[in-house]
Amino acid sequence: MEAHLLLFVSSHCSHCPVAESVVEKIAPSYKEFGLSYRKIRIKTEEGKKLSSKYNIMGIPALLFLDNERNEIKRIVGAPSEDNLKSNIEKVLGLKKSFFSRFFG
């Protein structure tokens, strides 16, 4: 499965640099598995459009989208590295659930 990660940020947000550094550290290692990512500044024309389209109410916000640009998962706030890895792996289907490990 392929997925797109959009990171919504603002220059006035104190938590956004933390979210940016976590995404920029973790996301590239999943490119080979079908993850693409982009940073969206909410004050730009594109940012205003996408913020409205996806109803972004708080930042930083991370949206995982499928190939049709439908939202799969949303994280509001700066995620930890482990939290982001876990969510990426779930979205990409790389992480098996607890039950599937035992029951196939």
PDB file of N, CA and C in Angstrom:
ATOM      1  N   MET A   1       0.840  -1.186   0.000  1.00  0.00           N
ATOM      2  CA  MET A   1       0.000   0.000   0.000  1.00  0.00           C
ATOM      3  C   MET A   1       0.884   1.247   0.000  1.00  0.00           C
ATOM      4  N   GLU A   2       0.454   2.228  -0.706  1.00  0.00           N
ATOM      5  CA  GLU A   2       1.144   3.516  -0.689  1.00  0.00           C
ATOM      6  C   GLU A   2       0.370   4.476   0.186  1.00  0.00           C
ATOM      7  N   ALA A   3       1.081   5.440   0.762  1.00  0.00           N
ATOM      8  CA  ALA A   3       0.431   6.452   1.590  1.00  0.00           C
ATOM      9  C   ALA A   3       1.192   7.761   1.466  1.00  0.00           C
ATOM     10  N   HIS A   4       0.482   8.827   1.712  1.00  0.00           N
ATOM     11  CA  HIS A   4       1.063  10.162   1.659  1.00  0.00           C
ATOM     12  C   HIS A   4       0.908  10.775   3.044  1.00  0.00           C
ATOM     13  N   LEU A   5       1.968  11.393   3.526  1.00  0.00           N
ATOM     14  CA  LEU A   5       1.957  12.057   4.823  1.00  0.00           C
ATOM     15  C   LEU A   5       2.065  13.557   4.602  1.00  0.00           C
ATOM     16  N   LEU A   6       1.072  14.288   5.059  1.00  0.00           N
ATOM     17  CA  LEU A   6       1.112  15.746   4.993  1.00  0.00           C
ATOM     18  C   LEU A   6       1.308  16.271   6.406  1.00  0.00           C
ATOM     19  N   LEU A   7       2.302  17.114   6.579  1.00  0.00           N
ATOM     20  CA  LEU A   7       2.576  17.734   7.868  1.00  0.00           C
ATOM     21  C   LEU A   7       2.188  19.202   7.780  1.00  0.00           C
ATOM     22  N   PHE A   8       1.152  19.590   8.503  1.00  0.00           N
ATOM     23  CA  PHE A   8       0.683  20.972   8.511  1.00  0.00           C
ATOM     24  C   PHE A   8       1.378  21.736   9.635  1.00  0.00           C
ATOM     25  N   VAL A   9       2.043  22.842   9.275  1.00  0.00           N
ATOM     26  CA  VAL A   9       2.812  23.627  10.243  1.00  0.00           C
ATOM     27  C   VAL A   9       2.585  25.121  10.031  1.00  0.00           C
ATOM     28  N   SER A  10       3.008  25.885  11.046  1.00  0.00           N
ATOM     29  CA  SER A  10       2.975  27.340  10.976  1.00  0.00           C
ATOM     30  C   SER A  10       4.245  27.872  11.622  1.00  0.00           C
ATOM     31  N   SER A  11       4.719  29.011  11.152  1.00  0.00           N
ATOM     32  CA  SER A  11       5.927  29.604  11.722  1.00  0.00           C
ATOM     33  C   SER A  11       5.680  30.129  13.132  1.00  0.00           C
ATOM     34  N   HIS A  12       4.421  30.298  13.524  1.00  0.00           N
ATOM     35  CA  HIS A  12       4.094  30.808  14.856  1.00  0.00           C
ATOM     36  C   HIS A  12       3.834  29.700  15.870  1.00  0.00           C
ATOM     37  N   CYS A  13       4.038  28.463  15.464  1.00  0.00           N
ATOM     38  CA  CYS A  13       3.729  27.298  16.299  1.00  0.00           C
ATOM     39  C   CYS A  13       4.987  26.827  17.019  1.00  0.00           C
ATOM     40  N   SER A  14       4.929  26.750  18.346  1.00  0.00           N
ATOM     41  CA  SER A  14       6.115  26.340  19.107  1.00  0.00           C
ATOM     42  C   SER A  14       6.379  24.841  19.037  1.00  0.00           C
ATOM     43  N   HIS A  15       5.361  24.040  18.740  1.00  0.00           N
ATOM     44  CA  HIS A  15       5.539  22.585  18.662  1.00  0.00           C
ATOM     45  C   HIS A  15       5.879  22.098  17.253  1.00  0.00           C
ATOM     46  N   CYS A  16       5.681  22.942  16.267  1.00  0.00           N
ATOM     47  CA  CYS A  16       5.898  22.543  14.873  1.00  0.00           C
ATOM     48  C   CYS A  16       7.347  22.149  14.568  1.00  0.00           C
ATOM     49  N   PRO A  17       8.355  22.870  15.055  1.00  0.00           N
ATOM     50  CA  PRO A  17       9.733  22.442  14.760  1.00  0.00           C
ATOM     51  C   PRO A  17      10.046  21.035  15.281  1.00  0.00           C
ATOM     52  N   VAL A  18       9.460  20.668  16.423  1.00  0.00           N
ATOM     53  CA  VAL A  18       9.655  19.323  16.958  1.00  0.00           C
ATOM     54  C   VAL A  18       9.029  18.296  16.015  1.00  0.00           C
ATOM     55  N   ALA A  19       7.803  18.554  15.589  1.00  0.00           N
ATOM     56  CA  ALA A  19       7.117  17.643  14.667  1.00  0.00           C
ATOM     57  C   ALA A  19       7.882  17.533  13.355  1.00  0.00           C
ATOM     58  N   GLU A  20       8.366  18.677  12.846  1.00  0.00           N
ATOM     59  CA  GLU A  20       9.131  18.665  11.597  1.00  0.00           C
ATOM     60  C   GLU A  20      10.379  17.805  11.729  1.00  0.00           C
ATOM     61  N   SER A  21      11.114  17.951  12.822  1.00  0.00           N
ATOM     62  CA  SER A  21      12.357  17.189  12.957  1.00  0.00           C
ATOM     63  C   SER A  21      12.082  15.687  13.083  1.00  0.00           C
ATOM     64  N   VAL A  22      11.005  15.317  13.784  1.00  0.00           N
ATOM     65  CA  VAL A  22      10.657  13.894  13.906  1.00  0.00           C
ATOM     66  C   VAL A  22      10.269  13.333  12.535  1.00  0.00           C
ATOM     67  N   VAL A  23       9.433  14.056  11.800  1.00  0.00           N
ATOM     68  CA  VAL A  23       9.000  13.591  10.475  1.00  0.00           C
ATOM     69  C   VAL A  23      10.197  13.500   9.526  1.00  0.00           C
ATOM     70  N   GLU A  24      11.046  14.523   9.516  1.00  0.00           N
ATOM     71  CA  GLU A  24      12.193  14.525   8.606  1.00  0.00           C
ATOM     72  C   GLU A  24      13.216  13.449   8.959  1.00  0.00           C
ATOM     73  N   LYS A  25      13.240  13.023  10.219  1.00  0.00           N
ATOM     74  CA  LYS A  25      14.154  11.954  10.628  1.00  0.00           C
ATOM     75  C   LYS A  25      13.594  10.571  10.270  1.00  0.00           C
ATOM     76  N   ILE A  26      12.283  10.379  10.478  1.00  0.00           N
ATOM     77  CA  ILE A  26      11.666   9.054  10.347  1.00  0.00           C
ATOM     78  C   ILE A  26      11.106   8.756   8.950  1.00  0.00           C
ATOM     79  N   ALA A  27      10.372   9.694   8.370  1.00  0.00           N
ATOM     80  CA  ALA A  27       9.636   9.435   7.117  1.00  0.00           C
ATOM     81  C   ALA A  27      10.514   8.960   5.948  1.00  0.00           C
ATOM     82  N   PRO A  28      11.714   9.521   5.723  1.00  0.00           N
ATOM     83  CA  PRO A  28      12.496   9.068   4.562  1.00  0.00           C
ATOM     84  C   PRO A  28      12.820   7.581   4.569  1.00  0.00           C
ATOM     85  N   SER A  29      12.932   6.977   5.736  1.00  0.00           N
ATOM     86  CA  SER A  29      13.269   5.549   5.787  1.00  0.00           C
ATOM     87  C   SER A  29      12.110   4.656   5.348  1.00  0.00           C
ATOM     88  N   TYR A  30      10.931   5.232   5.155  1.00  0.00           N
ATOM     89  CA  TYR A  30       9.777   4.455   4.693  1.00  0.00           C
ATOM     90  C   TYR A  30       9.433   4.727   3.229  1.00  0.00           C
ATOM     91  N   LYS A  31      10.264   5.518   2.564  1.00  0.00           N
ATOM     92  CA  LYS A  31      10.000   5.842   1.159  1.00  0.00           C
ATOM     93  C   LYS A  31       9.940   4.582   0.303  1.00  0.00           C
ATOM     94  N   GLU A  32      10.855   3.650   0.538  1.00  0.00           N
ATOM     95  CA  GLU A  32      10.891   2.408  -0.253  1.00  0.00           C
ATOM     96  C   GLU A  32       9.649   1.540  -0.037  1.00  0.00           C
ATOM     97  N   PHE A  33       8.909   1.801   1.038  1.00  0.00           N
ATOM     98  CA  PHE A  33       7.683   1.056   1.317  1.00  0.00           C
ATOM     99  C   PHE A  33       6.443   1.765   0.801  1.00  0.00           C
ATOM    100  N   GLY A  34       6.624   2.916   0.142  1.00  0.00           N
ATOM    101  CA  GLY A  34       5.491   3.607  -0.476  1.00  0.00           C
ATOM    102  C   GLY A  34       5.019   4.854   0.243  1.00  0.00           C
ATOM    103  N   LEU A  35       5.826   5.386   1.171  1.00  0.00           N
ATOM    104  CA  LEU A  35       5.417   6.595   1.880  1.00  0.00           C
ATOM    105  C   LEU A  35       6.058   7.824   1.248  1.00  0.00           C
ATOM    106  N   SER A  36       5.245   8.803   0.924  1.00  0.00           N
ATOM    107  CA  SER A  36       5.770  10.098   0.497  1.00  0.00           C
ATOM    108  C   SER A  36       5.326  11.104   1.551  1.00  0.00           C
ATOM    109  N   TYR A  37       6.072  12.180   1.684  1.00  0.00           N
ATOM    110  CA  TYR A  37       5.668  13.184   2.673  1.00  0.00           C
ATOM    111  C   TYR A  37       5.975  14.585   2.191  1.00  0.00           C
ATOM    112  N   ARG A  38       5.185  15.522   2.702  1.00  0.00           N
ATOM    113  CA  ARG A  38       5.335  16.944   2.362  1.00  0.00           C
ATOM    114  C   ARG A  38       4.988  17.785   3.568  1.00  0.00           C
ATOM    115  N   LYS A  39       5.687  18.886   3.689  1.00  0.00           N
ATOM    116  CA  LYS A  39       5.369  19.864   4.720  1.00  0.00           C
ATOM    117  C   LYS A  39       4.478  20.923   4.086  1.00  0.00           C
ATOM    118  N   ILE A  40       3.382  21.239   4.747  1.00  0.00           N
ATOM    119  CA  ILE A  40       2.434  22.234   4.253  1.00  0.00           C
ATOM    120  C   ILE A  40       2.400  23.390   5.247  1.00  0.00           C
ATOM    121  N   ARG A  41       2.760  24.565   4.784  1.00  0.00           N
ATOM    122  CA  ARG A  41       2.659  25.758   5.637  1.00  0.00           C
ATOM    123  C   ARG A  41       1.243  26.301   5.499  1.00  0.00           C
ATOM    124  N   ILE A  42       0.537  26.402   6.623  1.00  0.00           N
ATOM    125  CA  ILE A  42      -0.895  26.729   6.575  1.00  0.00           C
ATOM    126  C   ILE A  42      -1.189  28.156   6.124  1.00  0.00           C
ATOM    127  N   LYS A  43      -0.204  29.034   6.134  1.00  0.00           N
ATOM    128  CA  LYS A  43      -0.427  30.432   5.728  1.00  0.00           C
ATOM    129  C   LYS A  43      -0.319  30.636   4.213  1.00  0.00           C
ATOM    130  N   THR A  44       0.194  29.629   3.496  1.00  0.00           N
ATOM    131  CA  THR A  44       0.317  29.761   2.039  1.00  0.00           C
ATOM    132  C   THR A  44      -1.043  29.513   1.391  1.00  0.00           C
ATOM    133  N   GLU A  45      -1.151  29.846   0.117  1.00  0.00           N
ATOM    134  CA  GLU A  45      -2.406  29.633  -0.612  1.00  0.00           C
ATOM    135  C   GLU A  45      -2.772  28.150  -0.615  1.00  0.00           C
ATOM    136  N   GLU A  46      -1.788  27.288  -0.935  1.00  0.00           N
ATOM    137  CA  GLU A  46      -2.029  25.841  -0.939  1.00  0.00           C
ATOM    138  C   GLU A  46      -2.387  25.372   0.473  1.00  0.00           C
ATOM    139  N   GLY A  47      -1.666  25.897   1.465  1.00  0.00           N
ATOM    140  CA  GLY A  47      -1.912  25.512   2.851  1.00  0.00           C
ATOM    141  C   GLY A  47      -3.314  25.864   3.313  1.00  0.00           C
ATOM    142  N   LYS A  48      -3.791  27.036   2.914  1.00  0.00           N
ATOM    143  CA  LYS A  48      -5.155  27.457   3.277  1.00  0.00           C
ATOM    144  C   LYS A  48      -6.186  26.526   2.653  1.00  0.00           C
ATOM    145  N   LYS A  49      -5.958  26.181   1.375  1.00  0.00           N
ATOM    146  CA  LYS A  49      -6.884  25.281   0.673  1.00  0.00           C
ATOM    147  C   LYS A  49      -6.935  23.904   1.329  1.00  0.00           C
ATOM    148  N   LEU A  50      -5.733  23.342   1.567  1.00  0.00           N
ATOM    149  CA  LEU A  50      -5.670  21.990   2.137  1.00  0.00           C
ATOM    150  C   LEU A  50      -6.147  21.970   3.587  1.00  0.00           C
ATOM    151  N   SER A  51      -5.849  23.029   4.340  1.00  0.00           N
ATOM    152  CA  SER A  51      -6.321  23.108   5.733  1.00  0.00           C
ATOM    153  C   SER A  51      -7.843  23.104   5.774  1.00  0.00           C
ATOM    154  N   SER A  52      -8.451  23.814   4.846  1.00  0.00           N
ATOM    155  CA  SER A  52      -9.910  23.854   4.762  1.00  0.00           C
ATOM    156  C   SER A  52     -10.456  22.500   4.315  1.00  0.00           C
ATOM    157  N   LYS A  53      -9.852  21.930   3.288  1.00  0.00           N
ATOM    158  CA  LYS A  53     -10.317  20.647   2.750  1.00  0.00           C
ATOM    159  C   LYS A  53     -10.298  19.544   3.807  1.00  0.00           C
ATOM    160  N   TYR A  54      -9.215  19.495   4.598  1.00  0.00           N
ATOM    161  CA  TYR A  54      -9.064  18.433   5.589  1.00  0.00           C
ATOM    162  C   TYR A  54      -9.453  18.866   7.010  1.00  0.00           C
ATOM    163  N   ASN A  55     -10.053  20.058   7.123  1.00  0.00           N
ATOM    164  CA  ASN A  55     -10.564  20.538   8.400  1.00  0.00           C
ATOM    165  C   ASN A  55      -9.483  20.535   9.491  1.00  0.00           C
ATOM    166  N   ILE A  56      -8.356  21.152   9.194  1.00  0.00           N
ATOM    167  CA  ILE A  56      -7.258  21.243  10.149  1.00  0.00           C
ATOM    168  C   ILE A  56      -7.610  22.305  11.187  1.00  0.00           C
ATOM    169  N   MET A  57      -7.726  21.890  12.447  1.00  0.00           N
ATOM    170  CA  MET A  57      -8.112  22.795  13.525  1.00  0.00           C
ATOM    171  C   MET A  57      -6.951  23.098  14.475  1.00  0.00           C
ATOM    172  N   GLY A  58      -5.979  22.196  14.539  1.00  0.00           N
ATOM    173  CA  GLY A  58      -4.833  22.387  15.419  1.00  0.00           C
ATOM    174  C   GLY A  58      -3.564  21.982  14.704  1.00  0.00           C
ATOM    175  N   ILE A  59      -2.463  22.629  15.071  1.00  0.00           N
ATOM    176  CA  ILE A  59      -1.189  22.294  14.453  1.00  0.00           C
ATOM    177  C   ILE A  59      -0.146  22.077  15.542  1.00  0.00           C
ATOM    178  N   PRO A  60       0.875  21.317  15.288  1.00  0.00           N
ATOM    179  CA  PRO A  60       1.109  20.596  14.046  1.00  0.00           C
ATOM    180  C   PRO A  60       0.081  19.471  13.865  1.00  0.00           C
ATOM    181  N   ALA A  61      -0.213  19.168  12.633  1.00  0.00           N
ATOM    182  CA  ALA A  61      -1.132  18.080  12.306  1.00  0.00           C
ATOM    183  C   ALA A  61      -0.495  17.232  11.224  1.00  0.00           C
ATOM    184  N   LEU A  62      -0.534  15.930  11.422  1.00  0.00           N
ATOM    185  CA  LEU A  62      -0.022  14.988  10.432  1.00  0.00           C
ATOM    186  C   LEU A  62      -1.202  14.209   9.887  1.00  0.00           C
ATOM    187  N   LEU A  63      -1.351  14.216   8.566  1.00  0.00           N
ATOM    188  CA  LEU A  63      -2.431  13.460   7.929  1.00  0.00           C
ATOM    189  C   LEU A  63      -1.826  12.386   7.048  1.00  0.00           C
ATOM    190  N   PHE A  64      -2.330  11.183   7.196  1.00  0.00           N
ATOM    191  CA  PHE A  64      -1.970  10.100   6.294  1.00  0.00           C
ATOM    192  C   PHE A  64      -3.101   9.969   5.294  1.00  0.00           C
ATOM    193  N   LEU A  65      -2.758   9.989   4.007  1.00  0.00           N
ATOM    194  CA  LEU A  65      -3.753   9.914   2.935  1.00  0.00           C
ATOM    195  C   LEU A  65      -3.485   8.696   2.060  1.00  0.00           C
ATOM    196  N   ASP A  66      -4.558   8.137   1.497  1.00  0.00           N
ATOM    197  CA  ASP A  66      -4.383   7.058   0.526  1.00  0.00           C
ATOM    198  C   ASP A  66      -4.162   7.674  -0.860  1.00  0.00           C
ATOM    199  N   ASN A  67      -4.083   6.834  -1.881  1.00  0.00           N
ATOM    200  CA  ASN A  67      -3.793   7.331  -3.231  1.00  0.00           C
ATOM    201  C   ASN A  67      -4.883   8.227  -3.796  1.00  0.00           C
ATOM    202  N   GLU A  68      -6.102   8.109  -3.276  1.00  0.00           N
ATOM    203  CA  GLU A  68      -7.190   8.977  -3.728  1.00  0.00           C
ATOM    204  C   GLU A  68      -7.262  10.245  -2.878  1.00  0.00           C
ATOM    205  N   ARG A  69      -6.279  10.421  -2.020  1.00  0.00           N
ATOM    206  CA  ARG A  69      -6.181  11.587  -1.122  1.00  0.00           C
ATOM    207  C   ARG A  69      -7.273  11.609  -0.058  1.00  0.00           C
ATOM    208  N   ASN A  70      -7.755  10.425   0.311  1.00  0.00           N
ATOM    209  CA  ASN A  70      -8.696  10.309   1.420  1.00  0.00           C
ATOM    210  C   ASN A  70      -7.911  10.112   2.704  1.00  0.00           C
ATOM    211  N   GLU A  71      -8.373  10.730   3.771  1.00  0.00           N
ATOM    212  CA  GLU A  71      -7.674  10.627   5.046  1.00  0.00           C
ATOM    213  C   GLU A  71      -7.790   9.217   5.621  1.00  0.00           C
ATOM    214  N   ILE A  72      -6.637   8.671   6.036  1.00  0.00           N
ATOM    215  CA  ILE A  72      -6.583   7.351   6.668  1.00  0.00           C
ATOM    216  C   ILE A  72      -6.407   7.510   8.178  1.00  0.00           C
ATOM    217  N   LYS A  73      -5.551   8.442   8.553  1.00  0.00           N
ATOM    218  CA  LYS A  73      -5.173   8.613   9.964  1.00  0.00           C
ATOM    219  C   LYS A  73      -4.754  10.045  10.180  1.00  0.00           C
ATOM    220  N   ARG A  74      -4.966  10.553  11.404  1.00  0.00           N
ATOM    221  CA  ARG A  74      -4.600  11.928  11.757  1.00  0.00           C
ATOM    222  C   ARG A  74      -3.910  11.916  13.111  1.00  0.00           C
ATOM    223  N   ILE A  75      -2.844  12.686  13.213  1.00  0.00           N
ATOM    224  CA  ILE A  75      -2.158  12.893  14.486  1.00  0.00           C
ATOM    225  C   ILE A  75      -2.073  14.405  14.681  1.00  0.00           C
ATOM    226  N   VAL A  76      -2.579  14.893  15.808  1.00  0.00           N
ATOM    227  CA  VAL A  76      -2.464  16.314  16.122  1.00  0.00           C
ATOM    228  C   VAL A  76      -1.459  16.451  17.259  1.00  0.00           C
ATOM    229  N   GLY A  77      -0.503  17.341  17.074  1.00  0.00           N
ATOM    230  CA  GLY A  77       0.571  17.498  18.043  1.00  0.00           C
ATOM    231  C   GLY A  77       1.829  16.830  17.515  1.00  0.00           C
ATOM    232  N   ALA A  78       2.933  17.070  18.202  1.00  0.00           N
ATOM    233  CA  ALA A  78       4.212  16.500  17.779  1.00  0.00           C
ATOM    234  C   ALA A  78       4.318  15.066  18.288  1.00  0.00           C
ATOM    235  N   PRO A  79       4.405  14.099  17.375  1.00  0.00           N
ATOM    236  CA  PRO A  79       4.493  12.698  17.809  1.00  0.00           C
ATOM    237  C   PRO A  79       5.920  12.357  18.245  1.00  0.00           C
ATOM    238  N   SER A  80       6.041  11.350  19.073  1.00  0.00           N
ATOM    239  CA  SER A  80       7.369  10.825  19.390  1.00  0.00           C
ATOM    240  C   SER A  80       7.838  10.011  18.184  1.00  0.00           C
ATOM    241  N   GLU A  81       9.115   9.706  18.125  1.00  0.00           N
ATOM    242  CA  GLU A  81       9.633   8.899  17.013  1.00  0.00           C
ATOM    243  C   GLU A  81       8.949   7.537  16.981  1.00  0.00           C
ATOM    244  N   ASP A  82       8.816   6.897  18.144  1.00  0.00           N
ATOM    245  CA  ASP A  82       8.182   5.576  18.196  1.00  0.00           C
ATOM    246  C   ASP A  82       6.724   5.631  17.758  1.00  0.00           C
ATOM    247  N   ASN A  83       6.016   6.681  18.188  1.00  0.00           N
ATOM    248  CA  ASN A  83       4.619   6.833  17.812  1.00  0.00           C
ATOM    249  C   ASN A  83       4.483   7.009  16.303  1.00  0.00           C
ATOM    250  N   LEU A  84       5.347   7.825  15.716  1.00  0.00           N
ATOM    251  CA  LEU A  84       5.277   8.045  14.273  1.00  0.00           C
ATOM    252  C   LEU A  84       5.611   6.765  13.516  1.00  0.00           C
ATOM    253  N   LYS A  85       6.667   6.064  13.935  1.00  0.00           N
ATOM    254  CA  LYS A  85       7.030   4.794  13.281  1.00  0.00           C
ATOM    255  C   LYS A  85       5.871   3.813  13.336  1.00  0.00           C
ATOM    256  N   SER A  86       5.275   3.684  14.500  1.00  0.00           N
ATOM    257  CA  SER A  86       4.164   2.754  14.682  1.00  0.00           C
ATOM    258  C   SER A  86       2.994   3.096  13.762  1.00  0.00           C
ATOM    259  N   ASN A  87       2.648   4.382  13.685  1.00  0.00           N
ATOM    260  CA  ASN A  87       1.536   4.806  12.826  1.00  0.00           C
ATOM    261  C   ASN A  87       1.860   4.613  11.352  1.00  0.00           C
ATOM    262  N   ILE A  88       3.070   4.925  10.941  1.00  0.00           N
ATOM    263  CA  ILE A  88       3.463   4.712   9.537  1.00  0.00           C
ATOM    264  C   ILE A  88       3.361   3.243   9.189  1.00  0.00           C
ATOM    265  N   GLU A  89       3.874   2.385  10.069  1.00  0.00           N
ATOM    266  CA  GLU A  89       3.859   0.947   9.794  1.00  0.00           C
ATOM    267  C   GLU A  89       2.441   0.394   9.726  1.00  0.00           C
ATOM    268  N   LYS A  90       1.554   0.896  10.575  1.00  0.00           N
ATOM    269  CA  LYS A  90       0.146   0.467  10.518  1.00  0.00           C
ATOM    270  C   LYS A  90      -0.494   0.903   9.207  1.00  0.00           C
ATOM    271  N   VAL A  91      -0.277   2.164   8.838  1.00  0.00           N
ATOM    272  CA  VAL A  91      -0.881   2.705   7.619  1.00  0.00           C
ATOM    273  C   VAL A  91      -0.372   1.963   6.378  1.00  0.00           C
ATOM    274  N   LEU A  92       0.904   1.629   6.367  1.00  0.00           N
ATOM    275  CA  LEU A  92       1.487   0.938   5.211  1.00  0.00           C
ATOM    276  C   LEU A  92       1.250  -0.571   5.240  1.00  0.00           C
ATOM    277  N   GLY A  93       0.681  -1.071   6.335  1.00  0.00           N
ATOM    278  CA  GLY A  93       0.431  -2.507   6.450  1.00  0.00           C
ATOM    279  C   GLY A  93       1.689  -3.293   6.760  1.00  0.00           C
ATOM    280  N   LEU A  94       2.685  -2.653   7.341  1.00  0.00           N
ATOM    281  CA  LEU A  94       3.944  -3.328   7.667  1.00  0.00           C
ATOM    282  C   LEU A  94       3.907  -3.952   9.049  1.00  0.00           C
ATOM    283  N   LYS A  95       3.018  -3.480   9.890  1.00  0.00           N
ATOM    284  CA  LYS A  95       2.969  -3.944  11.271  1.00  0.00           C
ATOM    285  C   LYS A  95       1.777  -4.855  11.447  1.00  0.00           C
ATOM    286  N   LYS A  96       2.046  -6.058  11.903  1.00  0.00           N
ATOM    287  CA  LYS A  96       0.956  -6.996  12.133  1.00  0.00           C
ATOM    288  C   LYS A  96       0.320  -6.717  13.484  1.00  0.00           C
ATOM    289  N   SER A  97      -0.953  -6.938  13.559  1.00  0.00           N
ATOM    290  CA  SER A  97      -1.631  -6.737  14.835  1.00  0.00           C
ATOM    291  C   SER A  97      -1.200  -7.826  15.808  1.00  0.00           C
ATOM    292  N   PHE A  98      -1.451  -7.585  17.061  1.00  0.00           N
ATOM    293  CA  PHE A  98      -1.119  -8.539  18.113  1.00  0.00           C
ATOM    294  C   PHE A  98      -1.727  -9.910  17.818  1.00  0.00           C
ATOM    295  N   PHE A  99      -2.999  -9.947  17.406  1.00  0.00           N
ATOM    296  CA  PHE A  99      -3.684 -11.207  17.175  1.00  0.00           C
ATOM    297  C   PHE A  99      -3.182 -11.924  15.934  1.00  0.00           C
ATOM    298  N   SER A 100      -2.851 -11.174  14.889  1.00  0.00           N
ATOM    299  CA  SER A 100      -2.410 -11.826  13.654  1.00  0.00           C
ATOM    300  C   SER A 100      -1.051 -12.493  13.829  1.00  0.00           C
ATOM    301  N   ARG A 101      -0.265 -12.042  14.791  1.00  0.00           N
ATOM    302  CA  ARG A 101       1.018 -12.693  15.066  1.00  0.00           C
ATOM    303  C   ARG A 101       0.816 -14.104  15.584  1.00  0.00           C
ATOM    304  N   PHE A 102      -0.282 -14.318  16.310  1.00  0.00           N
ATOM    305  CA  PHE A 102      -0.544 -15.611  16.899  1.00  0.00           C
ATOM    306  C   PHE A 102      -1.502 -16.483  16.093  1.00  0.00           C
ATOM    307  N   PHE A 103      -2.432 -15.839  15.415  1.00  0.00           N
ATOM    308  CA  PHE A 103      -3.476 -16.582  14.728  1.00  0.00           C
ATOM    309  C   PHE A 103      -3.416 -16.487  13.212  1.00  0.00           C
ATOM    310  N   GLY A 104      -2.350 -15.853  12.702  1.00  0.00           N
ATOM    311  CA  GLY A 104      -2.199 -15.716  11.255  1.00  0.00           C
ATOM    312  C   GLY A 104      -3.095 -14.702  10.752  1.00  0.00           C
TER     313      GLY A 104
END
